[in-house]
Amino acid sequence: MRLSVVVPFYRAVDFIPAAMQNLARQAQPGVEFVLVEDGSGDDTRDELHRWADKVPGARVVDLDVNRGLGGARNAGIDAAQGRYLTFLDADDWYGPGYLSDLVDAIELFGCEFVRVDHVQVRDRTRRVIRSPEGRRNEVFAPRESILPSERSSGIDYPYAWAGIFDLQQIPRGRLHFDPLHTCEDRPWLWRLYLDAASHAVVGLHGLFYRREVAGSLTQIGDERQLHFLDAFAVILDDLDRRPNLDPRIHHKAVRSFCAIIAHHLSLDARFTPEVRDLLHRRASAALYDIDSDELAEVFGAMGDRRVDALQSLMRRTGTR
């Protein structure tokens, strides 16, 4: 088997026909579609099995309980039989010939993984979103794509589906996700960029990512949205355990964390009062846990109203 495509489905009945028709157009010898039914408890499982019988190379992995996107992907990774691995979300799709181009790219460079651009879809609007990494069509260490801290880099492009991975070079367990309901891609990507030896970035634009889907976790203002706090706790703990780590890398992670906290504070009206209060308390506690000198350095470099929001939060809560 040449390529495994892992596609989780959770309460996705409405997306299944279009998703499976799209996968059928990508079907070819040596490509399998690992469809993970994530314990939906509705008609998703029956509908998925019905459609899987119509798509060459498709098979369904049924989960008895909902594991979340990361857990569903883990089940798909463990079931994958291909040398290469990629991901797709149920509400997104591929353009013509995309999977062939993706495999050609990683075979050309022979590296552990390849990252690609994508097309963002909002209603009828299409926009190409490029990876912030400027080096293209060359092999280099992923760690080199973490810095600098003061501007976006490859580590700030946290989309698991924007790439392809060689399972003969990357231990399967290294690709496992943490059990988070949101932000699961970030600790996963940080580990990958720190531990892998080689990768490349190419300008493929064949993955179409649907933004602002009603009912998706990115649009729901409940407590699961706060998992970004857990995600960055995992990242920072991992960095703290690495001897001789370049301090600029830790600085980059702290800056990214502060920026995301500020982003969620700017949108906190979408939360219930209880979740909003929890966000404020947990975010403030996380900021106080960061070394005060490093936090002051990060705030000094950010230099905008986001810092005012973060400092105001810390003054209001006074949590340590």
Protein backbone atom coordinates (compact mmCIF):
# COMPACT_ATOMS: atom_id res chain seq x y z
CA MET A 1 0.00 0.00 0.00
CA ARG A 2 1.42 3.37 -1.02
CA LEU A 3 -0.75 5.94 0.78
CA SER A 4 -3.26 5.93 3.65
CA VAL A 5 -5.72 8.82 3.99
CA VAL A 6 -7.22 9.05 7.50
CA VAL A 7 -10.64 10.74 7.60
CA PRO A 8 -12.51 10.97 10.95
CA PHE A 9 -16.30 11.34 10.93
CA TYR A 10 -18.33 12.50 13.92
CA ARG A 11 -22.02 13.28 13.52
CA ALA A 12 -21.27 14.13 9.92
CA VAL A 13 -24.23 12.60 8.09
CA ASP A 14 -24.78 15.73 6.00
CA PHE A 15 -21.18 15.74 4.75
CA ILE A 16 -20.82 12.06 3.93
CA PRO A 17 -22.23 12.02 0.35
CA ALA A 18 -20.02 14.88 -0.87
CA ALA A 19 -16.99 13.60 1.06
CA MET A 20 -17.26 10.10 -0.35
CA GLN A 21 -17.88 11.30 -3.89
CA ASN A 22 -14.73 13.39 -3.61
CA LEU A 23 -12.70 10.46 -2.30
CA ALA A 24 -14.02 8.27 -5.11
CA ARG A 25 -12.55 10.74 -7.61
CA GLN A 26 -9.16 10.40 -5.86
CA ALA A 27 -9.26 6.59 -5.77
CA GLN A 28 -6.36 4.80 -7.45
CA PRO A 29 -4.33 1.62 -6.93
CA GLY A 30 -2.18 1.79 -3.81
CA VAL A 31 -4.35 4.37 -2.03
CA GLU A 32 -6.59 3.48 0.91
CA PHE A 33 -9.12 5.66 2.71
CA VAL A 34 -9.30 4.88 6.44
CA LEU A 35 -12.69 6.24 7.50
CA VAL A 36 -12.94 6.50 11.29
CA GLU A 37 -16.48 6.60 12.70
CA ASP A 38 -15.93 8.34 16.02
CA GLY A 39 -18.77 6.97 18.14
CA SER A 40 -21.32 9.43 16.74
CA GLY A 41 -24.40 7.71 18.13
CA ASP A 42 -26.53 8.85 15.18
CA ASP A 43 -26.88 7.69 11.57
CA THR A 44 -23.26 8.50 10.69
CA ARG A 45 -22.05 4.90 11.08
CA ASP A 46 -24.70 3.30 8.88
CA GLU A 47 -24.36 5.99 6.23
CA LEU A 48 -20.58 5.74 6.24
CA HIS A 49 -20.62 1.96 5.75
CA ARG A 50 -23.16 2.31 2.95
CA TRP A 51 -20.98 4.79 1.08
CA ALA A 52 -17.69 3.01 1.82
CA ASP A 53 -18.86 0.04 -0.22
CA LYS A 54 -19.00 2.34 -3.26
CA VAL A 55 -15.48 3.82 -2.97
CA PRO A 56 -12.46 1.74 -4.06
CA GLY A 57 -9.92 1.44 -1.26
CA ALA A 58 -12.27 2.67 1.48
CA ARG A 59 -12.71 0.87 4.79
CA VAL A 60 -14.36 1.91 8.04
CA VAL A 61 -12.88 1.81 11.54
CA ASP A 62 -15.73 1.92 14.07
CA LEU A 63 -15.10 3.40 17.54
CA ASP A 64 -17.50 2.47 20.32
CA VAL A 65 -17.06 5.77 22.16
CA ASN A 66 -16.30 9.28 20.96
CA ARG A 67 -12.57 9.99 21.26
CA GLY A 68 -12.47 13.44 19.70
CA LEU A 69 -10.61 14.39 16.54
CA GLY A 70 -7.17 13.52 17.90
CA GLY A 71 -8.26 10.14 19.25
CA ALA A 72 -10.05 9.30 16.00
CA ARG A 73 -6.95 10.19 14.02
CA ASN A 74 -4.89 7.97 16.32
CA ALA A 75 -7.17 5.03 15.56
CA GLY A 76 -6.75 5.74 11.86
CA ILE A 77 -2.96 5.98 12.18
CA ASP A 78 -2.85 2.61 13.93
CA ALA A 79 -5.02 1.03 11.23
CA ALA A 80 -3.14 2.56 8.28
CA GLN A 81 -1.36 0.13 5.96
CA GLY A 82 0.33 2.57 3.59
CA ARG A 83 3.94 3.72 3.62
CA TYR A 84 2.78 7.33 3.50
CA LEU A 85 0.10 8.96 5.62
CA THR A 86 -2.07 12.05 5.30
CA PHE A 87 -5.22 13.40 6.91
CA LEU A 88 -8.50 14.92 5.79
CA ASP A 89 -11.40 16.31 7.81
CA ALA A 90 -14.90 15.19 6.84
CA ASP A 91 -16.08 18.64 5.73
CA ASP A 92 -13.02 19.40 3.56
CA TRP A 93 -12.09 18.05 0.13
CA TYR A 94 -9.32 17.46 -2.42
CA GLY A 95 -8.88 18.97 -5.86
CA PRO A 96 -8.20 16.77 -8.93
CA GLY A 97 -4.92 14.88 -8.79
CA TYR A 98 -3.97 16.23 -5.37
CA LEU A 99 -3.06 12.91 -3.73
CA SER A 100 -0.84 11.91 -6.65
CA ASP A 101 0.96 15.25 -6.45
CA LEU A 102 1.36 14.85 -2.69
CA VAL A 103 2.99 11.42 -2.98
CA ASP A 104 5.19 12.62 -5.85
CA ALA A 105 6.46 15.45 -3.63
CA ILE A 106 7.56 13.28 -0.71
CA GLU A 107 9.11 10.69 -3.01
CA LEU A 108 11.02 13.43 -4.82
CA PHE A 109 12.57 14.83 -1.65
CA GLY A 110 12.87 11.60 0.34
CA CYS A 111 12.39 13.44 3.66
CA GLU A 112 10.37 12.49 6.74
CA PHE A 113 7.45 14.75 5.90
CA VAL A 114 6.32 17.43 3.46
CA ARG A 115 4.17 20.46 4.27
CA VAL A 116 1.87 22.12 1.73
CA ASP A 117 -0.31 25.19 1.29
CA HIS A 118 -4.12 24.99 1.14
CA VAL A 119 -7.22 26.77 -0.13
CA GLN A 120 -9.47 28.36 2.48
CA VAL A 121 -13.19 28.22 1.68
CA ARG A 122 -15.76 30.65 3.13
CA ASP A 123 -19.10 30.28 1.40
CA ARG A 124 -18.23 31.01 -2.26
CA THR A 125 -14.90 32.69 -1.52
CA ARG A 126 -11.64 30.84 -2.17
CA ARG A 127 -8.26 32.06 -0.91
CA VAL A 128 -4.86 30.36 -1.07
CA ILE A 129 -3.24 30.18 2.38
CA ARG A 130 0.50 29.68 2.18
CA SER A 131 2.64 28.13 4.86
CA PRO A 132 4.59 30.95 6.54
CA GLU A 133 7.82 29.08 5.77
CA GLY A 134 9.55 30.88 2.89
CA ARG A 135 11.99 28.13 1.93
CA ARG A 136 10.42 25.99 -0.76
CA ASN A 137 11.42 22.84 -2.61
CA GLU A 138 14.43 22.02 -0.45
CA VAL A 139 15.05 19.63 2.43
CA PHE A 140 16.00 21.06 5.81
CA ALA A 141 15.53 20.39 9.53
CA PRO A 142 12.06 21.27 10.86
CA ARG A 143 13.63 22.99 13.88
CA GLU A 144 14.85 25.65 11.48
CA SER A 145 11.20 26.47 10.77
CA ILE A 146 10.33 27.29 14.40
CA LEU A 147 12.17 30.60 14.66
CA PRO A 148 12.17 33.57 14.54
CA SER A 149 9.85 34.32 17.44
CA GLU A 150 8.83 37.77 16.25
CA ARG A 151 7.11 36.64 13.06
CA SER A 152 5.12 33.68 11.75
CA SER A 153 7.03 30.57 10.76
CA GLY A 154 6.26 26.98 9.85
CA ILE A 155 5.36 26.08 13.44
CA ASP A 156 2.54 28.65 13.28
CA TYR A 157 0.77 26.69 10.54
CA PRO A 158 -0.90 24.07 12.76
CA TYR A 159 -2.83 21.95 10.28
CA ALA A 160 -2.21 18.21 10.44
CA TRP A 161 -3.88 17.70 7.06
CA ALA A 162 -1.48 20.14 5.33
CA GLY A 163 1.15 17.53 4.61
CA ILE A 164 2.23 13.94 4.09
CA PHE A 165 4.32 11.72 6.38
CA ASP A 166 6.62 8.77 5.72
CA LEU A 167 5.83 5.96 8.17
CA GLN A 168 9.08 4.20 7.29
CA GLN A 169 11.02 7.18 8.66
CA ILE A 170 8.70 8.47 11.40
CA PRO A 171 7.73 6.08 14.23
CA ARG A 172 3.97 5.69 14.12
CA GLY A 173 3.60 6.64 17.79
CA ARG A 174 5.28 9.99 17.18
CA LEU A 175 2.33 10.95 15.00
CA HIS A 176 -0.23 10.27 17.74
CA PHE A 177 -2.27 13.21 19.00
CA ASP A 178 -3.02 14.25 22.57
CA PRO A 179 -6.64 13.64 23.73
CA LEU A 180 -7.87 17.21 23.20
CA HIS A 181 -11.11 18.40 21.60
CA THR A 182 -9.55 21.56 20.13
CA CYS A 183 -6.01 22.73 19.40
CA GLU A 184 -4.82 19.11 19.19
CA ASP A 185 -2.67 19.95 16.15
CA ARG A 186 -0.36 22.33 18.06
CA PRO A 187 1.45 20.04 20.56
CA TRP A 188 1.51 17.40 17.82
CA LEU A 189 3.26 19.79 15.42
CA TRP A 190 5.70 21.08 18.03
CA ARG A 191 6.86 17.54 18.84
CA LEU A 192 7.17 16.73 15.15
CA TYR A 193 9.22 19.84 14.40
CA LEU A 194 11.50 19.26 17.38
CA ASP A 195 12.07 15.53 16.83
CA ALA A 196 12.15 15.02 13.06
CA ALA A 197 15.38 15.46 11.11
CA SER A 198 14.12 16.44 7.67
CA HIS A 199 11.18 18.01 5.90
CA ALA A 200 10.31 20.15 2.90
CA VAL A 201 7.62 22.68 1.99
CA VAL A 202 6.01 22.71 -1.45
CA GLY A 203 3.39 24.89 -3.11
CA LEU A 204 0.51 22.48 -3.60
CA HIS A 205 -2.96 24.06 -3.42
CA GLY A 206 -5.20 21.03 -3.75
CA LEU A 207 -6.69 20.77 -0.26
CA PHE A 208 -9.83 22.83 0.31
CA TYR A 209 -10.41 23.75 3.95
CA ARG A 210 -13.91 24.84 4.85
CA ARG A 211 -13.97 27.63 7.47
CA GLU A 212 -16.80 28.59 9.84
CA VAL A 213 -18.89 25.44 9.49
CA ALA A 214 -21.95 25.68 11.73
CA GLY A 215 -21.68 23.20 14.59
CA SER A 216 -17.91 22.68 14.29
CA LEU A 217 -15.91 22.96 17.50
CA THR A 218 -14.18 26.10 16.25
CA GLN A 219 -17.61 27.78 16.16
CA ILE A 220 -19.00 26.48 19.47
CA GLY A 221 -18.32 28.58 22.57
CA ASP A 222 -18.30 25.85 25.20
CA GLU A 223 -15.64 24.58 27.57
CA ARG A 224 -13.98 22.48 24.87
CA GLN A 225 -12.68 25.71 23.34
CA LEU A 226 -10.47 26.09 26.41
CA HIS A 227 -8.42 23.05 25.45
CA PHE A 228 -5.93 25.44 23.88
CA LEU A 229 -4.77 26.05 27.46
CA ASP A 230 -4.14 22.33 27.91
CA ALA A 231 -2.42 22.16 24.52
CA PHE A 232 0.08 24.85 25.42
CA ALA A 233 0.61 23.33 28.87
CA VAL A 234 1.72 20.18 27.03
CA ILE A 235 3.98 22.19 24.71
CA LEU A 236 5.66 24.17 27.47
CA ASP A 237 6.11 21.10 29.67
CA ASP A 238 7.72 19.26 26.76
CA LEU A 239 10.09 22.17 26.11
CA ASP A 240 11.03 22.36 29.79
CA ARG A 241 12.06 18.70 29.69
CA ARG A 242 14.48 19.14 26.77
CA PRO A 243 18.08 19.76 27.88
CA ASN A 244 20.11 22.42 26.09
CA LEU A 245 17.08 23.77 24.26
CA ASP A 246 17.67 27.05 22.45
CA PRO A 247 15.92 29.57 24.76
CA ARG A 248 14.57 31.35 21.70
CA ILE A 249 12.40 28.31 21.00
CA HIS A 250 10.82 28.52 24.45
CA HIS A 251 10.35 32.25 23.91
CA LYS A 252 8.56 31.50 20.63
CA ALA A 253 6.16 29.12 22.36
CA VAL A 254 5.38 31.63 25.12
CA ARG A 255 4.77 34.38 22.58
CA SER A 256 2.43 32.13 20.58
CA PHE A 257 0.57 31.18 23.76
CA CYS A 258 0.12 34.83 24.75
CA ALA A 259 -1.16 35.70 21.28
CA ILE A 260 -3.75 32.91 21.38
CA ILE A 261 -4.91 33.86 24.88
CA ALA A 262 -5.38 37.43 23.66
CA HIS A 263 -7.33 36.15 20.66
CA HIS A 264 -9.72 34.18 22.86
CA LEU A 265 -10.15 37.14 25.20
CA SER A 266 -11.19 39.27 22.22
CA LEU A 267 -13.92 36.73 21.40
CA ASP A 268 -15.02 35.86 24.93
CA ALA A 269 -18.53 37.25 24.39
CA ARG A 270 -19.39 33.98 22.63
CA PHE A 271 -18.89 32.04 25.88
CA THR A 272 -21.43 31.52 28.62
CA PRO A 273 -20.65 33.51 31.79
CA GLU A 274 -19.42 30.34 33.50
CA VAL A 275 -17.05 29.40 30.66
CA ARG A 276 -15.88 33.01 30.32
CA ASP A 277 -15.00 33.09 34.02
CA LEU A 278 -13.16 29.79 33.69
CA LEU A 279 -11.24 31.12 30.69
CA HIS A 280 -10.16 34.21 32.63
CA ARG A 281 -9.08 32.24 35.70
CA ARG A 282 -7.22 29.53 33.83
CA ALA A 283 -5.54 31.90 31.37
CA SER A 284 -4.39 34.18 34.17
CA ALA A 285 -3.01 31.25 36.16
CA ALA A 286 -1.14 30.04 33.07
CA LEU A 287 0.41 33.48 32.54
CA TYR A 288 1.51 33.68 36.17
CA ASP A 289 3.15 30.26 35.81
CA ILE A 290 5.50 31.62 33.14
CA ASP A 291 8.81 33.03 34.33
CA SER A 292 8.18 36.71 35.01
CA ASP A 293 11.33 37.90 33.22
CA GLU A 294 10.49 35.89 30.11
CA LEU A 295 6.89 37.09 30.17
CA ALA A 296 8.06 40.71 30.45
CA GLU A 297 10.36 40.16 27.48
CA VAL A 298 7.52 38.68 25.44
CA PHE A 299 5.17 41.51 26.35
CA GLY A 300 7.82 44.05 25.40
CA ALA A 301 8.22 42.50 21.96
CA MET A 302 4.47 42.20 21.30
CA GLY A 303 3.98 45.92 21.89
CA ASP A 304 0.30 46.26 21.05
CA ARG A 305 -3.15 46.22 22.62
CA ARG A 306 -2.97 42.47 23.14
CA VAL A 307 -0.52 43.16 25.96
CA ASP A 308 -3.01 45.56 27.56
CA ALA A 309 -5.65 42.82 27.49
CA LEU A 310 -3.30 40.26 29.04
CA GLN A 311 -2.03 42.59 31.75
CA SER A 312 -5.56 43.70 32.56
CA LEU A 313 -6.59 40.07 32.92
CA MET A 314 -3.72 39.37 35.31
CA ARG A 315 -4.53 42.43 37.42
CA ARG A 316 -8.22 41.53 37.64
CA THR A 317 -7.77 37.92 38.64
CA GLY A 318 -4.52 38.11 40.59
CA THR A 319 -4.22 34.33 40.25
CA ARG A 320 -0.96 32.54 40.78
